[in-house]
Amino acid sequence: MEKFKKFIGKTFKLETIKNQEFLESLSICCQNLPDKIEEFEEIEFLVDDIVMCIAVLEGKIKRIMLVKVNKESPDECAPLTKEELEDFLKKNEEKLLKFFENITE
């Protein structure tokens, strides 16, 4: 997750995630797309059965969180184990870097 720290504090570009073709090209699905960024927003994306939550405060990314969701009870989530996180990042690191490079200024 160290490579993603550089995106914390950067301005979040909502118009980029509204581009469905861009998200589809990365196999990322936005779970709850807001019409506009208010003072605080949490935006969820689905990446390979993992929910990536991006917290945006005053237009800037403040937190990036990855959780796994219980398929039988979607309201239940848990952090990834170290091994799960390593496997997820090994598989998705390049597309996530491209995603963050395009959604921030």
PDB file of N, CA and C in Angstrom:
ATOM      1  N   MET A   1       0.819  -1.201   0.000  1.00  0.00           N
ATOM      2  CA  MET A   1       0.000   0.000   0.000  1.00  0.00           C
ATOM      3  C   MET A   1       0.861   1.263   0.000  1.00  0.00           C
ATOM      4  N   GLU A   2       2.157   1.100   0.205  1.00  0.00           N
ATOM      5  CA  GLU A   2       3.052   2.258   0.214  1.00  0.00           C
ATOM      6  C   GLU A   2       2.963   3.072  -1.069  1.00  0.00           C
ATOM      7  N   LYS A   3       2.837   2.397  -2.211  1.00  0.00           N
ATOM      8  CA  LYS A   3       2.796   3.086  -3.499  1.00  0.00           C
ATOM      9  C   LYS A   3       1.568   3.973  -3.643  1.00  0.00           C
ATOM     10  N   PHE A   4       0.550   3.712  -2.843  1.00  0.00           N
ATOM     11  CA  PHE A   4      -0.688   4.470  -2.949  1.00  0.00           C
ATOM     12  C   PHE A   4      -0.728   5.677  -2.019  1.00  0.00           C
ATOM     13  N   LYS A   5       0.210   5.746  -1.083  1.00  0.00           N
ATOM     14  CA  LYS A   5       0.249   6.871  -0.142  1.00  0.00           C
ATOM     15  C   LYS A   5       0.445   8.208  -0.849  1.00  0.00           C
ATOM     16  N   LYS A   6       1.117   8.188  -2.001  1.00  0.00           N
ATOM     17  CA  LYS A   6       1.364   9.436  -2.719  1.00  0.00           C
ATOM     18  C   LYS A   6       0.072  10.078  -3.233  1.00  0.00           C
ATOM     19  N   PHE A   7      -1.018   9.334  -3.252  1.00  0.00           N
ATOM     20  CA  PHE A   7      -2.289   9.879  -3.716  1.00  0.00           C
ATOM     21  C   PHE A   7      -3.106  10.518  -2.585  1.00  0.00           C
ATOM     22  N   ILE A   8      -2.712  10.251  -1.351  1.00  0.00           N
ATOM     23  CA  ILE A   8      -3.385  10.857  -0.204  1.00  0.00           C
ATOM     24  C   ILE A   8      -3.095  12.356  -0.223  1.00  0.00           C
ATOM     25  N   GLY A   9      -4.149  13.154  -0.111  1.00  0.00           N
ATOM     26  CA  GLY A   9      -4.004  14.603  -0.116  1.00  0.00           C
ATOM     27  C   GLY A   9      -4.141  15.221  -1.490  1.00  0.00           C
ATOM     28  N   LYS A  10      -4.189  14.391  -2.530  1.00  0.00           N
ATOM     29  CA  LYS A  10      -4.343  14.919  -3.888  1.00  0.00           C
ATOM     30  C   LYS A  10      -5.820  15.206  -4.174  1.00  0.00           C
ATOM     31  N   THR A  11      -6.050  16.154  -5.070  1.00  0.00           N
ATOM     32  CA  THR A  11      -7.405  16.528  -5.459  1.00  0.00           C
ATOM     33  C   THR A  11      -8.045  15.393  -6.239  1.00  0.00           C
ATOM     34  N   PHE A  12      -9.270  15.061  -5.870  1.00  0.00           N
ATOM     35  CA  PHE A  12     -10.042  13.979  -6.473  1.00  0.00           C
ATOM     36  C   PHE A  12     -10.850  14.518  -7.642  1.00  0.00           C
ATOM     37  N   LYS A  13     -10.734  13.860  -8.811  1.00  0.00           N
ATOM     38  CA  LYS A  13     -11.447  14.296 -10.010  1.00  0.00           C
ATOM     39  C   LYS A  13     -12.677  13.406 -10.230  1.00  0.00           C
ATOM     40  N   LEU A  14     -13.824  13.901  -9.827  1.00  0.00           N
ATOM     41  CA  LEU A  14     -15.070  13.147  -9.944  1.00  0.00           C
ATOM     42  C   LEU A  14     -15.406  12.834 -11.393  1.00  0.00           C
ATOM     43  N   GLU A  15     -15.127  13.763 -12.306  1.00  0.00           N
ATOM     44  CA  GLU A  15     -15.495  13.565 -13.711  1.00  0.00           C
ATOM     45  C   GLU A  15     -14.838  12.313 -14.293  1.00  0.00           C
ATOM     46  N   THR A  16     -13.661  11.942 -13.816  1.00  0.00           N
ATOM     47  CA  THR A  16     -12.985  10.750 -14.336  1.00  0.00           C
ATOM     48  C   THR A  16     -13.727   9.483 -13.953  1.00  0.00           C
ATOM     49  N   ILE A  17     -14.220   9.395 -12.724  1.00  0.00           N
ATOM     50  CA  ILE A  17     -14.923   8.166 -12.348  1.00  0.00           C
ATOM     51  C   ILE A  17     -16.330   8.113 -12.925  1.00  0.00           C
ATOM     52  N   LYS A  18     -16.811   9.236 -13.428  1.00  0.00           N
ATOM     53  CA  LYS A  18     -18.099   9.215 -14.129  1.00  0.00           C
ATOM     54  C   LYS A  18     -17.961   8.632 -15.532  1.00  0.00           C
ATOM     55  N   ASN A  19     -16.716   8.455 -15.998  1.00  0.00           N
ATOM     56  CA  ASN A  19     -16.431   7.880 -17.306  1.00  0.00           C
ATOM     57  C   ASN A  19     -16.481   6.354 -17.182  1.00  0.00           C
ATOM     58  N   GLN A  20     -17.617   5.777 -17.520  1.00  0.00           N
ATOM     59  CA  GLN A  20     -17.832   4.338 -17.376  1.00  0.00           C
ATOM     60  C   GLN A  20     -16.834   3.519 -18.201  1.00  0.00           C
ATOM     61  N   GLU A  21     -16.474   3.996 -19.373  1.00  0.00           N
ATOM     62  CA  GLU A  21     -15.511   3.276 -20.209  1.00  0.00           C
ATOM     63  C   GLU A  21     -14.151   3.171 -19.525  1.00  0.00           C
ATOM     64  N   PHE A  22     -13.741   4.251 -18.851  1.00  0.00           N
ATOM     65  CA  PHE A  22     -12.474   4.237 -18.125  1.00  0.00           C
ATOM     66  C   PHE A  22     -12.504   3.171 -17.031  1.00  0.00           C
ATOM     67  N   LEU A  23     -13.575   3.161 -16.230  1.00  0.00           N
ATOM     68  CA  LEU A  23     -13.680   2.175 -15.156  1.00  0.00           C
ATOM     69  C   LEU A  23     -13.718   0.757 -15.710  1.00  0.00           C
ATOM     70  N   GLU A  24     -14.495   0.545 -16.771  1.00  0.00           N
ATOM     71  CA  GLU A  24     -14.594  -0.786 -17.368  1.00  0.00           C
ATOM     72  C   GLU A  24     -13.251  -1.247 -17.924  1.00  0.00           C
ATOM     73  N   SER A  25     -12.463  -0.323 -18.466  1.00  0.00           N
ATOM     74  CA  SER A  25     -11.156  -0.694 -19.014  1.00  0.00           C
ATOM     75  C   SER A  25     -10.231  -1.244 -17.936  1.00  0.00           C
ATOM     76  N   LEU A  26     -10.490  -0.881 -16.687  1.00  0.00           N
ATOM     77  CA  LEU A  26      -9.687  -1.346 -15.559  1.00  0.00           C
ATOM     78  C   LEU A  26     -10.385  -2.444 -14.763  1.00  0.00           C
ATOM     79  N   SER A  27     -11.582  -2.850 -15.205  1.00  0.00           N
ATOM     80  CA  SER A  27     -12.393  -3.845 -14.486  1.00  0.00           C
ATOM     81  C   SER A  27     -12.695  -3.390 -13.064  1.00  0.00           C
ATOM     82  N   ILE A  28     -13.062  -2.108 -12.955  1.00  0.00           N
ATOM     83  CA  ILE A  28     -13.429  -1.516 -11.672  1.00  0.00           C
ATOM     84  C   ILE A  28     -14.863  -1.036 -11.780  1.00  0.00           C
ATOM     85  N   CYS A  29     -15.644  -1.317 -10.752  1.00  0.00           N
ATOM     86  CA  CYS A  29     -17.046  -0.911 -10.737  1.00  0.00           C
ATOM     87  C   CYS A  29     -17.274   0.045  -9.570  1.00  0.00           C
ATOM     88  N   CYS A  30     -17.895   1.185  -9.854  1.00  0.00           N
ATOM     89  CA  CYS A  30     -18.197   2.138  -8.787  1.00  0.00           C
ATOM     90  C   CYS A  30     -19.505   1.733  -8.123  1.00  0.00           C
ATOM     91  N   GLN A  31     -19.475   1.555  -6.823  1.00  0.00           N
ATOM     92  CA  GLN A  31     -20.632   1.101  -6.068  1.00  0.00           C
ATOM     93  C   GLN A  31     -21.636   2.217  -5.789  1.00  0.00           C
ATOM     94  N   ASN A  32     -21.154   3.416  -5.554  1.00  0.00           N
ATOM     95  CA  ASN A  32     -22.045   4.522  -5.180  1.00  0.00           C
ATOM     96  C   ASN A  32     -21.471   5.839  -5.689  1.00  0.00           C
ATOM     97  N   LEU A  33     -21.808   6.184  -6.891  1.00  0.00           N
ATOM     98  CA  LEU A  33     -21.262   7.376  -7.528  1.00  0.00           C
ATOM     99  C   LEU A  33     -22.068   8.611  -7.132  1.00  0.00           C
ATOM    100  N   PRO A  34     -21.458   9.557  -6.408  1.00  0.00           N
ATOM    101  CA  PRO A  34     -22.185  10.779  -6.043  1.00  0.00           C
ATOM    102  C   PRO A  34     -22.301  11.713  -7.245  1.00  0.00           C
ATOM    103  N   ASP A  35     -23.317  12.571  -7.223  1.00  0.00           N
ATOM    104  CA  ASP A  35     -23.479  13.564  -8.283  1.00  0.00           C
ATOM    105  C   ASP A  35     -22.406  14.635  -8.201  1.00  0.00           C
ATOM    106  N   LYS A  36     -22.028  14.973  -6.972  1.00  0.00           N
ATOM    107  CA  LYS A  36     -20.969  15.949  -6.766  1.00  0.00           C
ATOM    108  C   LYS A  36     -20.290  15.633  -5.444  1.00  0.00           C
ATOM    109  N   ILE A  37     -19.098  16.161  -5.280  1.00  0.00           N
ATOM    110  CA  ILE A  37     -18.348  15.940  -4.044  1.00  0.00           C
ATOM    111  C   ILE A  37     -18.748  17.018  -3.043  1.00  0.00           C
ATOM    112  N   GLU A  38     -19.320  16.568  -1.960  1.00  0.00           N
ATOM    113  CA  GLU A  38     -19.684  17.468  -0.868  1.00  0.00           C
ATOM    114  C   GLU A  38     -18.462  17.630   0.039  1.00  0.00           C
ATOM    115  N   GLU A  39     -18.669  18.140   1.228  1.00  0.00           N
ATOM    116  CA  GLU A  39     -17.555  18.324   2.162  1.00  0.00           C
ATOM    117  C   GLU A  39     -16.853  16.996   2.453  1.00  0.00           C
ATOM    118  N   PHE A  40     -17.654  15.923   2.617  1.00  0.00           N
ATOM    119  CA  PHE A  40     -17.089  14.594   2.884  1.00  0.00           C
ATOM    120  C   PHE A  40     -17.870  13.557   2.102  1.00  0.00           C
ATOM    121  N   GLU A  41     -17.159  12.684   1.392  1.00  0.00           N
ATOM    122  CA  GLU A  41     -17.778  11.594   0.648  1.00  0.00           C
ATOM    123  C   GLU A  41     -16.948  10.335   0.836  1.00  0.00           C
ATOM    124  N   GLU A  42     -17.620   9.197   0.903  1.00  0.00           N
ATOM    125  CA  GLU A  42     -16.958   7.907   0.836  1.00  0.00           C
ATOM    126  C   GLU A  42     -17.480   7.233  -0.422  1.00  0.00           C
ATOM    127  N   ILE A  43     -16.581   6.929  -1.325  1.00  0.00           N
ATOM    128  CA  ILE A  43     -16.953   6.354  -2.607  1.00  0.00           C
ATOM    129  C   ILE A  43     -16.408   4.933  -2.654  1.00  0.00           C
ATOM    130  N   GLU A  44     -17.286   3.978  -2.963  1.00  0.00           N
ATOM    131  CA  GLU A  44     -16.900   2.577  -2.968  1.00  0.00           C
ATOM    132  C   GLU A  44     -16.758   2.055  -4.389  1.00  0.00           C
ATOM    133  N   PHE A  45     -15.704   1.272  -4.587  1.00  0.00           N
ATOM    134  CA  PHE A  45     -15.438   0.628  -5.859  1.00  0.00           C
ATOM    135  C   PHE A  45     -15.258  -0.861  -5.614  1.00  0.00           C
ATOM    136  N   LEU A  46     -15.697  -1.655  -6.565  1.00  0.00           N
ATOM    137  CA  LEU A  46     -15.521  -3.094  -6.461  1.00  0.00           C
ATOM    138  C   LEU A  46     -14.403  -3.506  -7.407  1.00  0.00           C
ATOM    139  N   VAL A  47     -13.394  -4.172  -6.844  1.00  0.00           N
ATOM    140  CA  VAL A  47     -12.247  -4.648  -7.609  1.00  0.00           C
ATOM    141  C   VAL A  47     -12.019  -6.105  -7.217  1.00  0.00           C
ATOM    142  N   ASP A  48     -12.343  -7.024  -8.111  1.00  0.00           N
ATOM    143  CA  ASP A  48     -12.129  -8.460  -7.834  1.00  0.00           C
ATOM    144  C   ASP A  48     -12.715  -8.899  -6.489  1.00  0.00           C
ATOM    145  N   ASP A  49     -13.952  -8.626  -6.242  1.00  0.00           N
ATOM    146  CA  ASP A  49     -14.638  -9.014  -4.999  1.00  0.00           C
ATOM    147  C   ASP A  49     -14.087  -8.327  -3.750  1.00  0.00           C
ATOM    148  N   ILE A  50     -13.272  -7.311  -3.935  1.00  0.00           N
ATOM    149  CA  ILE A  50     -12.760  -6.514  -2.814  1.00  0.00           C
ATOM    150  C   ILE A  50     -13.338  -5.110  -2.957  1.00  0.00           C
ATOM    151  N   VAL A  51     -13.816  -4.564  -1.857  1.00  0.00           N
ATOM    152  CA  VAL A  51     -14.342  -3.203  -1.873  1.00  0.00           C
ATOM    153  C   VAL A  51     -13.201  -2.245  -1.523  1.00  0.00           C
ATOM    154  N   MET A  52     -13.016  -1.279  -2.415  1.00  0.00           N
ATOM    155  CA  MET A  52     -12.034  -0.226  -2.175  1.00  0.00           C
ATOM    156  C   MET A  52     -12.832   1.036  -1.860  1.00  0.00           C
ATOM    157  N   CYS A  53     -12.666   1.540  -0.669  1.00  0.00           N
ATOM    158  CA  CYS A  53     -13.377   2.736  -0.232  1.00  0.00           C
ATOM    159  C   CYS A  53     -12.398   3.907  -0.220  1.00  0.00           C
ATOM    160  N   ILE A  54     -12.790   4.970  -0.910  1.00  0.00           N
ATOM    161  CA  ILE A  54     -11.970   6.168  -0.948  1.00  0.00           C
ATOM    162  C   ILE A  54     -12.717   7.270  -0.201  1.00  0.00           C
ATOM    163  N   ALA A  55     -12.115   7.778   0.857  1.00  0.00           N
ATOM    164  CA  ALA A  55     -12.696   8.877   1.617  1.00  0.00           C
ATOM    165  C   ALA A  55     -12.159  10.185   1.050  1.00  0.00           C
ATOM    166  N   VAL A  56     -13.079  11.081   0.692  1.00  0.00           N
ATOM    167  CA  VAL A  56     -12.715  12.372   0.110  1.00  0.00           C
ATOM    168  C   VAL A  56     -13.218  13.464   1.054  1.00  0.00           C
ATOM    169  N   LEU A  57     -12.322  14.304   1.524  1.00  0.00           N
ATOM    170  CA  LEU A  57     -12.656  15.400   2.419  1.00  0.00           C
ATOM    171  C   LEU A  57     -12.244  16.701   1.747  1.00  0.00           C
ATOM    172  N   GLU A  58     -13.227  17.581   1.583  1.00  0.00           N
ATOM    173  CA  GLU A  58     -12.993  18.882   0.952  1.00  0.00           C
ATOM    174  C   GLU A  58     -12.280  18.737  -0.392  1.00  0.00           C
ATOM    175  N   GLY A  59     -12.685  17.705  -1.168  1.00  0.00           N
ATOM    176  CA  GLY A  59     -12.173  17.506  -2.510  1.00  0.00           C
ATOM    177  C   GLY A  59     -10.850  16.780  -2.624  1.00  0.00           C
ATOM    178  N   LYS A  60     -10.281  16.380  -1.494  1.00  0.00           N
ATOM    179  CA  LYS A  60      -8.985  15.703  -1.520  1.00  0.00           C
ATOM    180  C   LYS A  60      -9.112  14.302  -0.909  1.00  0.00           C
ATOM    181  N   ILE A  61      -8.357  13.358  -1.482  1.00  0.00           N
ATOM    182  CA  ILE A  61      -8.370  11.996  -0.952  1.00  0.00           C
ATOM    183  C   ILE A  61      -7.714  11.992   0.431  1.00  0.00           C
ATOM    184  N   LYS A  62      -8.430  11.437   1.389  1.00  0.00           N
ATOM    185  CA  LYS A  62      -7.916  11.380   2.760  1.00  0.00           C
ATOM    186  C   LYS A  62      -7.602   9.963   3.215  1.00  0.00           C
ATOM    187  N   ARG A  63      -8.291   8.959   2.609  1.00  0.00           N
ATOM    188  CA  ARG A  63      -8.068   7.582   3.050  1.00  0.00           C
ATOM    189  C   ARG A  63      -8.442   6.635   1.917  1.00  0.00           C
ATOM    190  N   ILE A  64      -7.666   5.560   1.800  1.00  0.00           N
ATOM    191  CA  ILE A  64      -7.957   4.474   0.867  1.00  0.00           C
ATOM    192  C   ILE A  64      -8.015   3.202   1.710  1.00  0.00           C
ATOM    193  N   MET A  65      -9.138   2.503   1.640  1.00  0.00           N
ATOM    194  CA  MET A  65      -9.312   1.317   2.466  1.00  0.00           C
ATOM    195  C   MET A  65      -9.769   0.155   1.596  1.00  0.00           C
ATOM    196  N   LEU A  66      -9.207  -1.016   1.833  1.00  0.00           N
ATOM    197  CA  LEU A  66      -9.599  -2.233   1.134  1.00  0.00           C
ATOM    198  C   LEU A  66     -10.202  -3.203   2.137  1.00  0.00           C
ATOM    199  N   VAL A  67     -11.379  -3.741   1.823  1.00  0.00           N
ATOM    200  CA  VAL A  67     -12.038  -4.708   2.699  1.00  0.00           C
ATOM    201  C   VAL A  67     -12.663  -5.816   1.871  1.00  0.00           C
ATOM    202  N   LYS A  68     -12.803  -6.954   2.501  1.00  0.00           N
ATOM    203  CA  LYS A  68     -13.533  -8.043   1.862  1.00  0.00           C
ATOM    204  C   LYS A  68     -14.934  -8.063   2.466  1.00  0.00           C
ATOM    205  N   VAL A  69     -15.896  -8.413   1.621  1.00  0.00           N
ATOM    206  CA  VAL A  69     -17.288  -8.404   2.034  1.00  0.00           C
ATOM    207  C   VAL A  69     -17.783  -9.839   2.122  1.00  0.00           C
ATOM    208  N   ASN A  70     -18.559 -10.118   3.144  1.00  0.00           N
ATOM    209  CA  ASN A  70     -19.171 -11.429   3.311  1.00  0.00           C
ATOM    210  C   ASN A  70     -20.272 -11.574   2.262  1.00  0.00           C
ATOM    211  N   LYS A  71     -20.113 -12.509   1.330  1.00  0.00           N
ATOM    212  CA  LYS A  71     -21.079 -12.673   0.240  1.00  0.00           C
ATOM    213  C   LYS A  71     -22.465 -13.051   0.742  1.00  0.00           C
ATOM    214  N   GLU A  72     -22.534 -13.750   1.869  1.00  0.00           N
ATOM    215  CA  GLU A  72     -23.815 -14.169   2.425  1.00  0.00           C
ATOM    216  C   GLU A  72     -24.496 -13.036   3.190  1.00  0.00           C
ATOM    217  N   SER A  73     -23.707 -12.092   3.673  1.00  0.00           N
ATOM    218  CA  SER A  73     -24.228 -10.956   4.413  1.00  0.00           C
ATOM    219  C   SER A  73     -23.453  -9.711   3.980  1.00  0.00           C
ATOM    220  N   PRO A  74     -23.883  -9.071   2.871  1.00  0.00           N
ATOM    221  CA  PRO A  74     -23.111  -7.971   2.279  1.00  0.00           C
ATOM    222  C   PRO A  74     -22.840  -6.772   3.185  1.00  0.00           C
ATOM    223  N   ASP A  75     -23.573  -6.647   4.289  1.00  0.00           N
ATOM    224  CA  ASP A  75     -23.316  -5.533   5.204  1.00  0.00           C
ATOM    225  C   ASP A  75     -22.119  -5.803   6.114  1.00  0.00           C
ATOM    226  N   GLU A  76     -21.648  -7.047   6.128  1.00  0.00           N
ATOM    227  CA  GLU A  76     -20.503  -7.412   6.957  1.00  0.00           C
ATOM    228  C   GLU A  76     -19.230  -7.341   6.127  1.00  0.00           C
ATOM    229  N   CYS A  77     -18.231  -6.667   6.672  1.00  0.00           N
ATOM    230  CA  CYS A  77     -16.946  -6.595   5.975  1.00  0.00           C
ATOM    231  C   CYS A  77     -15.828  -6.800   6.987  1.00  0.00           C
ATOM    232  N   ALA A  78     -14.651  -7.130   6.442  1.00  0.00           N
ATOM    233  CA  ALA A  78     -13.493  -7.381   7.300  1.00  0.00           C
ATOM    234  C   ALA A  78     -12.239  -6.952   6.555  1.00  0.00           C
ATOM    235  N   PRO A  79     -11.199  -6.601   7.297  1.00  0.00           N
ATOM    236  CA  PRO A  79      -9.941  -6.247   6.635  1.00  0.00           C
ATOM    237  C   PRO A  79      -9.331  -7.478   5.976  1.00  0.00           C
ATOM    238  N   LEU A  80      -8.511  -7.239   4.984  1.00  0.00           N
ATOM    239  CA  LEU A  80      -7.787  -8.323   4.331  1.00  0.00           C
ATOM    240  C   LEU A  80      -6.639  -8.763   5.223  1.00  0.00           C
ATOM    241  N   THR A  81      -6.342 -10.050   5.192  1.00  0.00           N
ATOM    242  CA  THR A  81      -5.159 -10.524   5.894  1.00  0.00           C
ATOM    243  C   THR A  81      -3.942 -10.029   5.126  1.00  0.00           C
ATOM    244  N   LYS A  82      -2.781 -10.125   5.732  1.00  0.00           N
ATOM    245  CA  LYS A  82      -1.554  -9.695   5.063  1.00  0.00           C
ATOM    246  C   LYS A  82      -1.376 -10.460   3.755  1.00  0.00           C
ATOM    247  N   GLU A  83      -1.629 -11.761   3.776  1.00  0.00           N
ATOM    248  CA  GLU A  83      -1.484 -12.597   2.580  1.00  0.00           C
ATOM    249  C   GLU A  83      -2.513 -12.203   1.510  1.00  0.00           C
ATOM    250  N   GLU A  84      -3.756 -11.973   1.917  1.00  0.00           N
ATOM    251  CA  GLU A  84      -4.791 -11.556   0.964  1.00  0.00           C
ATOM    252  C   GLU A  84      -4.447 -10.207   0.330  1.00  0.00           C
ATOM    253  N   LEU A  85      -3.950  -9.281   1.137  1.00  0.00           N
ATOM    254  CA  LEU A  85      -3.566  -7.966   0.627  1.00  0.00           C
ATOM    255  C   LEU A  85      -2.412  -8.098  -0.363  1.00  0.00           C
ATOM    256  N   GLU A  86      -1.415  -8.886  -0.018  1.00  0.00           N
ATOM    257  CA  GLU A  86      -0.281  -9.083  -0.926  1.00  0.00           C
ATOM    258  C   GLU A  86      -0.734  -9.689  -2.249  1.00  0.00           C
ATOM    259  N   ASP A  87      -1.607 -10.699  -2.192  1.00  0.00           N
ATOM    260  CA  ASP A  87      -2.113 -11.340  -3.414  1.00  0.00           C
ATOM    261  C   ASP A  87      -2.931 -10.355  -4.242  1.00  0.00           C
ATOM    262  N   PHE A  88      -3.782  -9.588  -3.576  1.00  0.00           N
ATOM    263  CA  PHE A  88      -4.621  -8.610  -4.270  1.00  0.00           C
ATOM    264  C   PHE A  88      -3.762  -7.561  -4.973  1.00  0.00           C
ATOM    265  N   LEU A  89      -2.778  -7.036  -4.268  1.00  0.00           N
ATOM    266  CA  LEU A  89      -1.917  -6.009  -4.848  1.00  0.00           C
ATOM    267  C   LEU A  89      -1.042  -6.570  -5.971  1.00  0.00           C
ATOM    268  N   LYS A  90      -0.578  -7.782  -5.811  1.00  0.00           N
ATOM    269  CA  LYS A  90       0.229  -8.407  -6.862  1.00  0.00           C
ATOM    270  C   LYS A  90      -0.581  -8.494  -8.155  1.00  0.00           C
ATOM    271  N   LYS A  91      -1.838  -8.828  -8.026  1.00  0.00           N
ATOM    272  CA  LYS A  91      -2.714  -8.987  -9.189  1.00  0.00           C
ATOM    273  C   LYS A  91      -3.203  -7.641  -9.747  1.00  0.00           C
ATOM    274  N   ASN A  92      -3.409  -6.642  -8.889  1.00  0.00           N
ATOM    275  CA  ASN A  92      -4.098  -5.413  -9.286  1.00  0.00           C
ATOM    276  C   ASN A  92      -3.290  -4.125  -9.174  1.00  0.00           C
ATOM    277  N   GLU A  93      -2.060  -4.196  -8.749  1.00  0.00           N
ATOM    278  CA  GLU A  93      -1.291  -2.980  -8.474  1.00  0.00           C
ATOM    279  C   GLU A  93      -1.206  -2.042  -9.675  1.00  0.00           C
ATOM    280  N   GLU A  94      -0.890  -2.552 -10.835  1.00  0.00           N
ATOM    281  CA  GLU A  94      -0.715  -1.690 -12.010  1.00  0.00           C
ATOM    282  C   GLU A  94      -2.006  -0.965 -12.387  1.00  0.00           C
ATOM    283  N   LYS A  95      -3.120  -1.693 -12.384  1.00  0.00           N
ATOM    284  CA  LYS A  95      -4.373  -1.029 -12.762  1.00  0.00           C
ATOM    285  C   LYS A  95      -4.831  -0.045 -11.691  1.00  0.00           C
ATOM    286  N   LEU A  96      -4.518  -0.318 -10.432  1.00  0.00           N
ATOM    287  CA  LEU A  96      -4.880   0.633  -9.381  1.00  0.00           C
ATOM    288  C   LEU A  96      -4.023   1.890  -9.458  1.00  0.00           C
ATOM    289  N   LEU A  97      -2.755   1.737  -9.787  1.00  0.00           N
ATOM    290  CA  LEU A  97      -1.911   2.921  -9.975  1.00  0.00           C
ATOM    291  C   LEU A  97      -2.440   3.768 -11.131  1.00  0.00           C
ATOM    292  N   LYS A  98      -2.805   3.125 -12.228  1.00  0.00           N
ATOM    293  CA  LYS A  98      -3.369   3.852 -13.368  1.00  0.00           C
ATOM    294  C   LYS A  98      -4.670   4.544 -12.965  1.00  0.00           C
ATOM    295  N   PHE A  99      -5.496   3.850 -12.194  1.00  0.00           N
ATOM    296  CA  PHE A  99      -6.753   4.411 -11.706  1.00  0.00           C
ATOM    297  C   PHE A  99      -6.491   5.676 -10.892  1.00  0.00           C
ATOM    298  N   PHE A 100      -5.611   5.601  -9.910  1.00  0.00           N
ATOM    299  CA  PHE A 100      -5.345   6.754  -9.041  1.00  0.00           C
ATOM    300  C   PHE A 100      -4.653   7.888  -9.787  1.00  0.00           C
ATOM    301  N   GLU A 101      -3.787   7.555 -10.721  1.00  0.00           N
ATOM    302  CA  GLU A 101      -3.137   8.596 -11.509  1.00  0.00           C
ATOM    303  C   GLU A 101      -4.157   9.398 -12.330  1.00  0.00           C
ATOM    304  N   ASN A 102      -5.240   8.730 -12.739  1.00  0.00           N
ATOM    305  CA  ASN A 102      -6.247   9.374 -13.558  1.00  0.00           C
ATOM    306  C   ASN A 102      -7.362  10.063 -12.767  1.00  0.00           C
ATOM    307  N   ILE A 103      -7.517   9.707 -11.493  1.00  0.00           N
ATOM    308  CA  ILE A 103      -8.590  10.330 -10.711  1.00  0.00           C
ATOM    309  C   ILE A 103      -8.093  11.419  -9.782  1.00  0.00           C
ATOM    310  N   THR A 104      -6.796  11.723  -9.870  1.00  0.00           N
ATOM    311  CA  THR A 104      -6.227  12.769  -9.000  1.00  0.00           C
ATOM    312  C   THR A 104      -5.478  13.800  -9.836  1.00  0.00           C
ATOM    313  N   GLU A 105      -5.291  14.980  -9.236  1.00  0.00           N
ATOM    314  CA  GLU A 105      -4.479  16.033  -9.857  1.00  0.00           C
ATOM    315  C   GLU A 105      -3.345  16.370  -8.915  1.00  0.00           C
TER     316      GLU A 105
END
